[in-house]
Amino acid sequence: MFTKMKNIDSTARHLKAFSIVVVVSCCVICCFALWKSFSLVAEMQSKVYILANGKALEAYASGRKDNIPVEAKDHVKAFHQLFFTLDPDDKAIASSIAKALYLADASAKRAYDDLKENGYYAGLISGNVNQTITVDSVSVDINEYPYRFRCYATQNITRPTSITQRSLVTEGALRNVSRSDNNPHGFLIERWNIIENRDLKTTARH
């Protein structure tokens, strides 16, 4: 009888120890599963997939500060392409300039008004002149706000009888504004100034 009681006690202790091990193991597994799930969710949220030419490309989300140099340069480039890429069509010119002026302050509007008053756009239209621009480089100083920039570009002015290549250098500053459809980078160019715009060469068209 005593032997049976001892066996029962021993079995009960073993069952109790086994139950504790099982419960502790379940808790550890549950905690690990929860931690792993949160880690995977956080990792997936940091990834962005972009569809380009039918292919899914992986991009990574990052903070605004990390992207300032890239976005600032692209903003400056977009503004100059819109402002200086012109066709001999008054509606096309008006549309392009309107988009450019969303990206800059009154300093760009003054430059546009001066060119318009001097008959520059009218001359493009009447002379069937096409103007394109290639932005060679953009330097941005992000160590001080507003961020100062300088843009180096090359203009090509195509006339019926010749093509003129011009050097263009501008400078200004960038300040933060709210993002919108008209201003996706969330920057505004201010104190924009053309510091160089000179002919490099002119070649005849045959």
N, C-alpha and C. Protein backbone atom coordinates (compact mmCIF):
# COMPACT_ATOMS: atom_id res chain seq x y z
N MET A 1 0.83 -1.21 0.00
CA MET A 1 0.00 0.00 0.00
C MET A 1 0.85 1.25 0.00
N PHE A 2 1.88 1.23 0.90
CA PHE A 2 2.79 2.38 0.95
C PHE A 2 3.52 2.57 -0.37
N THR A 3 3.86 1.44 -0.98
CA THR A 3 4.55 1.51 -2.27
C THR A 3 3.66 2.15 -3.32
N LYS A 4 2.34 1.77 -3.28
CA LYS A 4 1.41 2.36 -4.23
C LYS A 4 1.28 3.88 -4.01
N MET A 5 1.21 4.29 -2.71
CA MET A 5 1.10 5.72 -2.40
C MET A 5 2.32 6.48 -2.91
N LYS A 6 3.50 5.86 -2.71
CA LYS A 6 4.73 6.52 -3.19
C LYS A 6 4.71 6.65 -4.70
N ASN A 7 4.25 5.59 -5.35
CA ASN A 7 4.18 5.63 -6.81
C ASN A 7 3.21 6.72 -7.29
N ILE A 8 2.07 6.83 -6.56
CA ILE A 8 1.08 7.85 -6.92
C ILE A 8 1.67 9.24 -6.72
N ASP A 9 2.37 9.45 -5.58
CA ASP A 9 2.99 10.75 -5.32
C ASP A 9 4.05 11.07 -6.37
N SER A 10 4.85 10.06 -6.69
CA SER A 10 5.91 10.27 -7.68
C SER A 10 5.32 10.61 -9.05
N THR A 11 4.24 9.86 -9.39
CA THR A 11 3.58 10.13 -10.68
C THR A 11 2.98 11.53 -10.71
N ALA A 12 2.39 11.93 -9.58
CA ALA A 12 1.78 13.27 -9.50
C ALA A 12 2.84 14.35 -9.65
N ARG A 13 4.02 14.13 -8.98
CA ARG A 13 5.09 15.12 -9.10
C ARG A 13 5.60 15.21 -10.54
N HIS A 14 5.72 14.03 -11.18
CA HIS A 14 6.18 14.02 -12.56
C HIS A 14 5.18 14.72 -13.49
N LEU A 15 3.89 14.43 -13.25
CA LEU A 15 2.85 15.08 -14.05
C LEU A 15 2.86 16.60 -13.86
N LYS A 16 3.06 16.99 -12.59
CA LYS A 16 3.09 18.43 -12.28
C LYS A 16 4.29 19.10 -12.95
N ALA A 17 5.46 18.43 -12.85
CA ALA A 17 6.67 18.98 -13.48
C ALA A 17 6.51 19.03 -14.99
N PHE A 18 5.93 17.96 -15.56
CA PHE A 18 5.73 17.92 -17.01
C PHE A 18 4.75 19.02 -17.46
N SER A 19 3.69 19.20 -16.65
CA SER A 19 2.71 20.24 -16.98
C SER A 19 3.34 21.63 -16.95
N ILE A 20 4.19 21.85 -15.93
CA ILE A 20 4.87 23.15 -15.83
C ILE A 20 5.77 23.38 -17.03
N VAL A 21 6.52 22.31 -17.41
CA VAL A 21 7.41 22.43 -18.58
C VAL A 21 6.61 22.73 -19.84
N VAL A 22 5.48 22.04 -20.00
CA VAL A 22 4.63 22.26 -21.18
C VAL A 22 4.10 23.69 -21.20
N VAL A 23 3.59 24.16 -20.05
CA VAL A 23 3.04 25.52 -19.98
C VAL A 23 4.12 26.55 -20.27
N VAL A 24 5.30 26.38 -19.64
CA VAL A 24 6.39 27.32 -19.87
C VAL A 24 6.82 27.30 -21.33
N SER A 25 6.91 26.09 -21.91
CA SER A 25 7.30 25.97 -23.32
C SER A 25 6.29 26.67 -24.23
N CYS A 26 5.00 26.49 -23.94
CA CYS A 26 3.94 27.14 -24.74
C CYS A 26 4.06 28.66 -24.64
N CYS A 27 4.32 29.15 -23.42
CA CYS A 27 4.47 30.61 -23.24
C CYS A 27 5.65 31.14 -24.04
N VAL A 28 6.77 30.40 -23.99
CA VAL A 28 7.97 30.83 -24.73
C VAL A 28 7.70 30.83 -26.23
N ILE A 29 7.04 29.76 -26.72
CA ILE A 29 6.73 29.68 -28.14
C ILE A 29 5.78 30.80 -28.57
N CYS A 30 4.77 31.07 -27.74
CA CYS A 30 3.82 32.16 -28.06
C CYS A 30 4.52 33.52 -28.10
N CYS A 31 5.37 33.75 -27.10
CA CYS A 31 6.11 35.03 -27.07
C CYS A 31 7.01 35.17 -28.28
N PHE A 32 7.70 34.08 -28.64
CA PHE A 32 8.57 34.12 -29.81
C PHE A 32 7.77 34.37 -31.09
N ALA A 33 6.61 33.70 -31.19
CA ALA A 33 5.76 33.87 -32.38
C ALA A 33 5.26 35.31 -32.49
N LEU A 34 4.86 35.90 -31.35
CA LEU A 34 4.39 37.29 -31.36
C LEU A 34 5.52 38.24 -31.76
N TRP A 35 6.71 38.03 -31.17
CA TRP A 35 7.86 38.89 -31.49
C TRP A 35 8.22 38.79 -32.96
N LYS A 36 8.22 37.54 -33.48
CA LYS A 36 8.56 37.33 -34.89
C LYS A 36 7.53 37.96 -35.81
N SER A 37 6.26 37.87 -35.43
CA SER A 37 5.19 38.46 -36.24
C SER A 37 5.34 39.97 -36.32
N PHE A 38 5.57 40.62 -35.16
CA PHE A 38 5.75 42.07 -35.15
C PHE A 38 6.98 42.48 -35.96
N SER A 39 8.03 41.67 -35.87
CA SER A 39 9.25 41.98 -36.63
C SER A 39 8.99 41.90 -38.13
N LEU A 40 8.27 40.86 -38.55
CA LEU A 40 7.96 40.70 -39.98
C LEU A 40 7.06 41.82 -40.48
N VAL A 41 6.07 42.22 -39.66
CA VAL A 41 5.17 43.31 -40.06
C VAL A 41 5.95 44.61 -40.20
N ALA A 42 6.84 44.88 -39.24
CA ALA A 42 7.65 46.10 -39.31
C ALA A 42 8.55 46.09 -40.54
N GLU A 43 9.11 44.91 -40.85
CA GLU A 43 9.99 44.79 -42.02
C GLU A 43 9.21 45.00 -43.31
N MET A 44 8.01 44.44 -43.38
CA MET A 44 7.19 44.59 -44.59
C MET A 44 6.74 46.02 -44.78
N GLN A 45 6.47 46.73 -43.67
CA GLN A 45 6.03 48.12 -43.77
C GLN A 45 7.15 49.02 -44.25
N SER A 46 8.39 48.59 -44.10
CA SER A 46 9.51 49.42 -44.54
C SER A 46 9.83 49.21 -46.02
N LYS A 47 9.07 48.34 -46.69
CA LYS A 47 9.32 48.06 -48.09
C LYS A 47 8.19 48.60 -48.95
N VAL A 48 8.57 49.12 -50.10
CA VAL A 48 7.61 49.64 -51.07
C VAL A 48 7.94 49.00 -52.40
N TYR A 49 6.92 48.54 -53.10
CA TYR A 49 7.13 47.92 -54.41
C TYR A 49 6.59 48.85 -55.49
N ILE A 50 7.44 49.13 -56.46
CA ILE A 50 7.09 50.04 -57.55
C ILE A 50 7.01 49.24 -58.84
N LEU A 51 5.93 49.43 -59.57
CA LEU A 51 5.76 48.74 -60.85
C LEU A 51 6.33 49.62 -61.95
N ALA A 52 7.37 49.14 -62.61
CA ALA A 52 8.01 49.89 -63.68
C ALA A 52 8.27 48.97 -64.86
N ASN A 53 7.70 49.33 -66.00
CA ASN A 53 7.86 48.53 -67.22
C ASN A 53 7.46 47.07 -67.01
N GLY A 54 6.38 46.89 -66.24
CA GLY A 54 5.88 45.54 -66.02
C GLY A 54 6.63 44.74 -64.99
N LYS A 55 7.62 45.33 -64.32
CA LYS A 55 8.42 44.63 -63.31
C LYS A 55 8.22 45.28 -61.95
N ALA A 56 8.11 44.44 -60.93
CA ALA A 56 7.98 44.94 -59.56
C ALA A 56 9.36 45.18 -58.98
N LEU A 57 9.66 46.43 -58.69
CA LEU A 57 10.95 46.78 -58.11
C LEU A 57 10.76 47.13 -56.64
N GLU A 58 11.66 46.62 -55.81
CA GLU A 58 11.54 46.86 -54.37
C GLU A 58 12.25 48.15 -53.99
N ALA A 59 11.54 48.98 -53.24
CA ALA A 59 12.12 50.21 -52.72
C ALA A 59 11.94 50.18 -51.21
N TYR A 60 12.69 51.01 -50.52
CA TYR A 60 12.62 51.03 -49.06
C TYR A 60 12.18 52.41 -48.59
N ALA A 61 11.22 52.40 -47.66
CA ALA A 61 10.74 53.66 -47.10
C ALA A 61 11.80 54.24 -46.18
N SER A 62 11.93 55.53 -46.20
CA SER A 62 12.90 56.19 -45.32
C SER A 62 12.36 57.55 -44.91
N GLY A 63 13.00 58.15 -43.95
CA GLY A 63 12.53 59.42 -43.43
C GLY A 63 12.80 60.56 -44.39
N ARG A 64 12.10 61.67 -44.14
CA ARG A 64 12.23 62.85 -44.99
C ARG A 64 13.68 63.35 -45.01
N LYS A 65 14.33 63.30 -43.86
CA LYS A 65 15.70 63.82 -43.77
C LYS A 65 16.66 63.04 -44.66
N ASP A 66 16.45 61.72 -44.74
CA ASP A 66 17.33 60.88 -45.56
C ASP A 66 17.21 61.22 -47.05
N ASN A 67 16.03 61.69 -47.45
CA ASN A 67 15.75 61.90 -48.87
C ASN A 67 15.95 63.35 -49.32
N ILE A 68 16.30 64.24 -48.42
CA ILE A 68 16.39 65.66 -48.77
C ILE A 68 17.30 65.92 -49.97
N PRO A 69 18.54 65.41 -50.00
CA PRO A 69 19.40 65.72 -51.15
C PRO A 69 18.82 65.24 -52.48
N VAL A 70 18.28 64.02 -52.49
CA VAL A 70 17.74 63.47 -53.73
C VAL A 70 16.50 64.24 -54.18
N GLU A 71 15.57 64.46 -53.25
CA GLU A 71 14.33 65.15 -53.61
C GLU A 71 14.59 66.61 -53.97
N ALA A 72 15.51 67.25 -53.27
CA ALA A 72 15.83 68.65 -53.57
C ALA A 72 16.39 68.79 -54.98
N LYS A 73 17.31 67.91 -55.34
CA LYS A 73 17.90 67.97 -56.69
C LYS A 73 16.85 67.70 -57.75
N ASP A 74 15.97 66.74 -57.50
CA ASP A 74 14.94 66.43 -58.48
C ASP A 74 13.94 67.57 -58.61
N HIS A 75 13.65 68.25 -57.51
CA HIS A 75 12.75 69.40 -57.54
C HIS A 75 13.34 70.52 -58.40
N VAL A 76 14.61 70.82 -58.19
CA VAL A 76 15.28 71.87 -58.96
C VAL A 76 15.32 71.48 -60.44
N LYS A 77 15.63 70.24 -60.71
CA LYS A 77 15.69 69.76 -62.10
C LYS A 77 14.32 69.88 -62.77
N ALA A 78 13.26 69.45 -62.06
CA ALA A 78 11.91 69.51 -62.63
C ALA A 78 11.50 70.95 -62.94
N PHE A 79 11.82 71.87 -62.03
CA PHE A 79 11.47 73.27 -62.26
C PHE A 79 12.15 73.81 -63.51
N HIS A 80 13.44 73.57 -63.66
CA HIS A 80 14.17 74.10 -64.81
C HIS A 80 13.70 73.48 -66.12
N GLN A 81 13.37 72.20 -66.09
CA GLN A 81 12.87 71.56 -67.30
C GLN A 81 11.53 72.14 -67.72
N LEU A 82 10.67 72.41 -66.76
CA LEU A 82 9.37 73.00 -67.07
C LEU A 82 9.50 74.45 -67.53
N PHE A 83 10.38 75.20 -66.89
CA PHE A 83 10.50 76.63 -67.17
C PHE A 83 11.20 76.89 -68.50
N PHE A 84 12.16 76.03 -68.87
CA PHE A 84 12.99 76.31 -70.04
C PHE A 84 12.74 75.39 -71.24
N THR A 85 11.93 74.36 -71.09
CA THR A 85 11.59 73.53 -72.24
C THR A 85 10.32 74.10 -72.87
N LEU A 86 10.49 74.73 -74.03
CA LEU A 86 9.40 75.50 -74.63
C LEU A 86 9.24 75.16 -76.11
N ASP A 87 7.99 75.03 -76.52
CA ASP A 87 7.66 74.82 -77.93
C ASP A 87 6.99 76.07 -78.47
N PRO A 88 7.02 76.26 -79.80
CA PRO A 88 6.39 77.46 -80.38
C PRO A 88 4.87 77.35 -80.42
N ASP A 89 4.29 77.26 -79.22
CA ASP A 89 2.84 77.13 -79.07
C ASP A 89 2.45 77.84 -77.78
N ASP A 90 1.58 78.83 -77.89
CA ASP A 90 1.25 79.64 -76.71
C ASP A 90 0.59 78.82 -75.60
N LYS A 91 -0.26 77.85 -75.96
CA LYS A 91 -0.91 77.03 -74.93
C LYS A 91 0.09 76.11 -74.25
N ALA A 92 1.01 75.53 -75.03
CA ALA A 92 2.03 74.65 -74.45
C ALA A 92 2.94 75.44 -73.52
N ILE A 93 3.31 76.66 -73.93
CA ILE A 93 4.16 77.51 -73.09
C ILE A 93 3.44 77.85 -71.78
N ALA A 94 2.18 78.27 -71.90
CA ALA A 94 1.41 78.65 -70.71
C ALA A 94 1.27 77.47 -69.74
N SER A 95 1.03 76.27 -70.28
CA SER A 95 0.87 75.09 -69.44
C SER A 95 2.16 74.74 -68.73
N SER A 96 3.27 74.78 -69.46
CA SER A 96 4.57 74.43 -68.87
C SER A 96 4.98 75.44 -67.80
N ILE A 97 4.81 76.72 -68.09
CA ILE A 97 5.18 77.77 -67.13
C ILE A 97 4.30 77.69 -65.89
N ALA A 98 3.01 77.42 -66.07
CA ALA A 98 2.09 77.33 -64.93
C ALA A 98 2.54 76.21 -63.97
N LYS A 99 2.95 75.07 -64.53
CA LYS A 99 3.43 73.97 -63.70
C LYS A 99 4.73 74.35 -62.98
N ALA A 100 5.61 75.07 -63.69
CA ALA A 100 6.88 75.49 -63.09
C ALA A 100 6.65 76.46 -61.93
N LEU A 101 5.69 77.35 -62.07
CA LEU A 101 5.49 78.38 -61.05
C LEU A 101 4.90 77.81 -59.76
N TYR A 102 4.34 76.61 -59.81
CA TYR A 102 3.93 75.95 -58.57
C TYR A 102 5.13 75.54 -57.72
N LEU A 103 6.29 75.44 -58.36
CA LEU A 103 7.49 74.94 -57.67
C LEU A 103 8.39 76.05 -57.15
N ALA A 104 8.03 77.31 -57.41
CA ALA A 104 8.90 78.43 -57.03
C ALA A 104 8.06 79.61 -56.54
N ASP A 105 8.73 80.59 -55.94
CA ASP A 105 8.03 81.75 -55.41
C ASP A 105 7.98 82.87 -56.44
N ALA A 106 7.74 84.09 -55.98
CA ALA A 106 7.56 85.24 -56.86
C ALA A 106 8.80 85.58 -57.67
N SER A 107 9.98 85.12 -57.24
CA SER A 107 11.19 85.43 -58.00
C SER A 107 11.13 84.80 -59.39
N ALA A 108 10.57 83.59 -59.50
CA ALA A 108 10.41 82.95 -60.81
C ALA A 108 9.32 83.64 -61.62
N LYS A 109 8.27 84.08 -60.95
CA LYS A 109 7.19 84.79 -61.64
C LYS A 109 7.70 86.11 -62.22
N ARG A 110 8.58 86.80 -61.50
CA ARG A 110 9.16 88.04 -62.02
C ARG A 110 10.00 87.78 -63.25
N ALA A 111 10.79 86.69 -63.22
CA ALA A 111 11.61 86.34 -64.39
C ALA A 111 10.72 86.04 -65.59
N TYR A 112 9.62 85.34 -65.36
CA TYR A 112 8.68 85.03 -66.44
C TYR A 112 8.04 86.31 -66.99
N ASP A 113 7.62 87.19 -66.08
CA ASP A 113 6.99 88.45 -66.52
C ASP A 113 7.96 89.31 -67.33
N ASP A 114 9.23 89.34 -66.92
CA ASP A 114 10.23 90.11 -67.67
C ASP A 114 10.42 89.55 -69.07
N LEU A 115 10.52 88.23 -69.18
CA LEU A 115 10.68 87.61 -70.49
C LEU A 115 9.46 87.85 -71.38
N LYS A 116 8.30 87.76 -70.78
CA LYS A 116 7.07 87.98 -71.54
C LYS A 116 6.96 89.43 -72.01
N GLU A 117 7.30 90.36 -71.11
CA GLU A 117 7.23 91.78 -71.45
C GLU A 117 8.22 92.13 -72.56
N ASN A 118 9.35 91.46 -72.56
CA ASN A 118 10.36 91.72 -73.59
C ASN A 118 10.08 90.97 -74.90
N GLY A 119 8.96 90.26 -74.95
CA GLY A 119 8.56 89.60 -76.19
C GLY A 119 9.28 88.29 -76.47
N TYR A 120 9.88 87.69 -75.42
CA TYR A 120 10.66 86.47 -75.64
C TYR A 120 9.77 85.32 -76.13
N TYR A 121 8.64 85.11 -75.46
CA TYR A 121 7.76 84.00 -75.82
C TYR A 121 7.08 84.25 -77.16
N ALA A 122 6.73 85.49 -77.41
CA ALA A 122 6.14 85.83 -78.71
C ALA A 122 7.13 85.56 -79.84
N GLY A 123 8.42 85.81 -79.56
CA GLY A 123 9.45 85.56 -80.56
C GLY A 123 9.61 84.07 -80.84
N LEU A 124 9.48 83.23 -79.80
CA LEU A 124 9.54 81.79 -79.99
C LEU A 124 8.42 81.31 -80.91
N ILE A 125 7.24 81.85 -80.66
CA ILE A 125 6.07 81.41 -81.44
C ILE A 125 6.15 81.90 -82.89
N SER A 126 6.45 83.18 -83.06
CA SER A 126 6.48 83.74 -84.42
C SER A 126 7.65 83.19 -85.24
N GLY A 127 8.74 82.83 -84.56
CA GLY A 127 9.92 82.34 -85.27
C GLY A 127 10.01 80.83 -85.35
N ASN A 128 8.95 80.13 -84.85
CA ASN A 128 8.97 78.67 -84.83
C ASN A 128 10.24 78.13 -84.17
N VAL A 129 10.52 78.68 -83.01
CA VAL A 129 11.74 78.32 -82.27
C VAL A 129 11.39 77.32 -81.17
N ASN A 130 12.18 76.28 -81.09
CA ASN A 130 12.01 75.25 -80.07
C ASN A 130 13.17 75.32 -79.09
N GLN A 131 12.86 75.29 -77.79
CA GLN A 131 13.91 75.40 -76.78
C GLN A 131 13.85 74.20 -75.84
N THR A 132 14.99 73.54 -75.65
CA THR A 132 15.08 72.42 -74.71
C THR A 132 16.24 72.67 -73.74
N ILE A 133 16.22 71.94 -72.65
CA ILE A 133 17.27 72.12 -71.65
C ILE A 133 17.72 70.76 -71.12
N THR A 134 19.00 70.65 -70.86
CA THR A 134 19.56 69.47 -70.22
C THR A 134 20.22 69.92 -68.92
N VAL A 135 19.73 69.43 -67.80
CA VAL A 135 20.33 69.78 -66.50
C VAL A 135 21.56 68.91 -66.30
N ASP A 136 22.72 69.54 -66.28
CA ASP A 136 23.98 68.79 -66.15
C ASP A 136 24.24 68.36 -64.71
N SER A 137 24.03 69.27 -63.78
CA SER A 137 24.24 68.93 -62.37
C SER A 137 23.53 69.94 -61.48
N VAL A 138 23.23 69.50 -60.27
CA VAL A 138 22.61 70.36 -59.25
C VAL A 138 23.35 70.12 -57.94
N SER A 139 23.84 71.17 -57.33
CA SER A 139 24.48 71.06 -56.01
C SER A 139 23.57 71.70 -54.97
N VAL A 140 23.37 70.99 -53.86
CA VAL A 140 22.50 71.47 -52.79
C VAL A 140 23.25 71.40 -51.47
N ASP A 141 23.22 72.50 -50.72
CA ASP A 141 23.86 72.55 -49.40
C ASP A 141 22.77 72.33 -48.35
N ILE A 142 22.74 71.14 -47.73
CA ILE A 142 21.69 70.84 -46.75
C ILE A 142 22.16 71.10 -45.32
N ASN A 143 23.33 71.70 -45.18
CA ASN A 143 23.85 71.98 -43.83
C ASN A 143 23.20 73.21 -43.21
N GLU A 144 22.56 74.01 -44.03
CA GLU A 144 21.91 75.23 -43.53
C GLU A 144 20.56 75.39 -44.21
N TYR A 145 19.55 75.75 -43.43
CA TYR A 145 18.20 75.93 -43.95
C TYR A 145 17.86 77.42 -44.04
N PRO A 146 17.22 77.87 -45.11
CA PRO A 146 16.82 77.17 -46.33
C PRO A 146 18.03 76.64 -47.10
N TYR A 147 17.83 75.56 -47.83
CA TYR A 147 18.92 74.88 -48.51
C TYR A 147 19.30 75.63 -49.79
N ARG A 148 20.53 76.08 -49.84
CA ARG A 148 21.01 76.78 -51.03
C ARG A 148 21.34 75.78 -52.13
N PHE A 149 21.06 76.18 -53.36
CA PHE A 149 21.37 75.29 -54.48
C PHE A 149 21.96 76.10 -55.63
N ARG A 150 22.64 75.39 -56.51
CA ARG A 150 23.13 75.96 -57.78
C ARG A 150 22.90 74.91 -58.86
N CYS A 151 22.37 75.35 -59.97
CA CYS A 151 22.02 74.45 -61.06
C CYS A 151 22.84 74.80 -62.30
N TYR A 152 23.45 73.79 -62.89
CA TYR A 152 24.22 73.95 -64.12
C TYR A 152 23.50 73.20 -65.25
N ALA A 153 23.20 73.91 -66.32
CA ALA A 153 22.44 73.29 -67.40
C ALA A 153 22.91 73.80 -68.76
N THR A 154 22.45 73.12 -69.80
CA THR A 154 22.76 73.50 -71.18
C THR A 154 21.45 73.64 -71.95
N GLN A 155 21.28 74.78 -72.59
CA GLN A 155 20.10 75.03 -73.41
C GLN A 155 20.41 74.79 -74.88
N ASN A 156 19.45 74.24 -75.59
CA ASN A 156 19.54 74.11 -77.04
C ASN A 156 18.35 74.84 -77.66
N ILE A 157 18.66 75.88 -78.44
CA ILE A 157 17.62 76.69 -79.07
C ILE A 157 17.65 76.39 -80.57
N THR A 158 16.59 75.73 -81.01
CA THR A 158 16.52 75.29 -82.41
C THR A 158 15.66 76.25 -83.23
N ARG A 159 16.31 76.91 -84.17
CA ARG A 159 15.62 77.81 -85.10
C ARG A 159 15.53 77.12 -86.46
N PRO A 160 14.71 77.64 -87.37
CA PRO A 160 14.61 77.00 -88.70
C PRO A 160 15.94 76.88 -89.43
N THR A 161 16.88 77.79 -89.15
CA THR A 161 18.14 77.78 -89.90
C THR A 161 19.37 77.46 -89.05
N SER A 162 19.22 77.40 -87.72
CA SER A 162 20.41 77.18 -86.87
C SER A 162 20.02 76.58 -85.53
N ILE A 163 21.04 76.05 -84.83
CA ILE A 163 20.88 75.55 -83.47
C ILE A 163 21.92 76.24 -82.59
N THR A 164 21.46 76.89 -81.55
CA THR A 164 22.35 77.59 -80.63
C THR A 164 22.40 76.86 -79.30
N GLN A 165 23.60 76.64 -78.83
CA GLN A 165 23.79 76.00 -77.53
C GLN A 165 24.23 77.06 -76.52
N ARG A 166 23.52 77.10 -75.39
CA ARG A 166 23.80 78.12 -74.38
C ARG A 166 24.09 77.46 -73.03
N SER A 167 24.96 78.12 -72.28
CA SER A 167 25.26 77.69 -70.92
C SER A 167 24.33 78.43 -69.96
N LEU A 168 23.75 77.70 -69.02
CA LEU A 168 22.83 78.29 -68.05
C LEU A 168 23.24 77.90 -66.64
N VAL A 169 23.41 78.90 -65.79
CA VAL A 169 23.71 78.65 -64.37
C VAL A 169 22.74 79.49 -63.54
N THR A 170 22.05 78.83 -62.62
CA THR A 170 21.12 79.55 -61.74
C THR A 170 21.40 79.17 -60.29
N GLU A 171 20.87 79.97 -59.39
CA GLU A 171 21.00 79.67 -57.96
C GLU A 171 19.76 80.12 -57.23
N GLY A 172 19.60 79.63 -56.03
CA GLY A 172 18.45 79.99 -55.21
C GLY A 172 18.47 79.21 -53.92
N ALA A 173 17.32 79.16 -53.28
CA ALA A 173 17.19 78.43 -52.00
C ALA A 173 15.91 77.62 -52.02
N LEU A 174 15.88 76.60 -51.19
CA LEU A 174 14.72 75.72 -51.09
C LEU A 174 14.19 75.75 -49.66
N ARG A 175 12.88 75.94 -49.53
CA ARG A 175 12.27 75.81 -48.21
C ARG A 175 11.15 74.78 -48.27
N ASN A 176 10.85 74.19 -47.14
CA ASN A 176 9.85 73.13 -47.07
C ASN A 176 8.43 73.70 -47.13
N VAL A 177 7.58 73.05 -47.91
CA VAL A 177 6.15 73.35 -47.94
C VAL A 177 5.40 72.02 -47.97
N SER A 178 4.09 72.07 -47.91
CA SER A 178 3.29 70.85 -47.95
C SER A 178 3.35 70.21 -49.33
N ARG A 179 3.38 68.90 -49.35
CA ARG A 179 3.34 68.18 -50.62
C ARG A 179 1.94 68.28 -51.22
N SER A 180 1.89 68.27 -52.54
CA SER A 180 0.61 68.29 -53.24
C SER A 180 0.80 67.68 -54.62
N ASP A 181 -0.29 67.55 -55.36
CA ASP A 181 -0.18 67.02 -56.72
C ASP A 181 0.65 67.95 -57.60
N ASN A 182 0.56 69.25 -57.33
CA ASN A 182 1.32 70.23 -58.11
C ASN A 182 2.76 70.38 -57.62
N ASN A 183 3.02 69.93 -56.40
CA ASN A 183 4.36 70.05 -55.82
C ASN A 183 4.66 68.79 -55.02
N PRO A 184 4.96 67.68 -55.72
CA PRO A 184 5.11 66.39 -55.03
C PRO A 184 6.30 66.29 -54.10
N HIS A 185 7.35 67.11 -54.30
CA HIS A 185 8.54 67.01 -53.45
C HIS A 185 8.42 67.82 -52.16
N GLY A 186 7.46 68.74 -52.11
CA GLY A 186 7.29 69.53 -50.90
C GLY A 186 8.37 70.56 -50.67
N PHE A 187 8.90 71.14 -51.77
CA PHE A 187 9.88 72.23 -51.68
C PHE A 187 9.36 73.44 -52.46
N LEU A 188 9.83 74.60 -52.10
CA LEU A 188 9.53 75.81 -52.87
C LEU A 188 10.84 76.56 -53.12
N ILE A 189 11.11 76.82 -54.40
CA ILE A 189 12.31 77.58 -54.76
C ILE A 189 12.06 79.05 -54.46
N GLU A 190 13.00 79.68 -53.77
CA GLU A 190 12.89 81.12 -53.50
C GLU A 190 14.21 81.81 -53.80
N ARG A 191 14.11 83.12 -54.03
CA ARG A 191 15.26 83.95 -54.39
C ARG A 191 16.01 83.36 -55.59
N TRP A 192 15.24 82.90 -56.57
CA TRP A 192 15.83 82.29 -57.76
C TRP A 192 16.45 83.36 -58.64
N ASN A 193 17.63 83.08 -59.12
CA ASN A 193 18.37 84.08 -59.89
C ASN A 193 19.20 83.39 -60.98
N ILE A 194 19.17 83.95 -62.20
CA ILE A 194 20.00 83.46 -63.29
C ILE A 194 21.32 84.20 -63.24
N ILE A 195 22.40 83.49 -62.98
CA ILE A 195 23.70 84.16 -62.84
C ILE A 195 24.56 84.03 -64.09
N GLU A 196 24.16 83.14 -65.00
CA GLU A 196 24.89 83.04 -66.27
C GLU A 196 23.97 82.43 -67.33
N ASN A 197 23.97 83.04 -68.52
CA ASN A 197 23.22 82.50 -69.65
C ASN A 197 23.87 83.03 -70.92
N ARG A 198 24.85 82.31 -71.41
CA ARG A 198 25.64 82.80 -72.54
C ARG A 198 25.73 81.76 -73.65
N ASP A 199 25.93 82.25 -74.87
CA ASP A 199 26.06 81.37 -76.02
C ASP A 199 27.37 80.60 -75.96
N LEU A 200 27.30 79.32 -76.29
CA LEU A 200 28.50 78.49 -76.40
C LEU A 200 28.89 78.30 -77.87
N LYS A 201 27.90 77.96 -78.68
CA LYS A 201 28.17 77.81 -80.11
C LYS A 201 26.87 77.83 -80.88
N THR A 202 26.98 78.16 -82.16
CA THR A 202 25.82 78.13 -83.06
C THR A 202 26.23 77.38 -84.32
N THR A 203 25.40 76.42 -84.69
CA THR A 203 25.66 75.63 -85.89
C THR A 203 24.50 75.77 -86.86
N ALA A 204 24.83 75.82 -88.13
CA ALA A 204 23.80 75.97 -89.16
C ALA A 204 23.09 74.64 -89.40
N ARG A 205 21.82 74.72 -89.71
CA ARG A 205 21.04 73.53 -90.06
C ARG A 205 20.99 73.37 -91.56
N HIS A 206 21.13 72.17 -92.04
CA HIS A 206 21.12 71.93 -93.50
C HIS A 206 19.82 71.24 -93.89
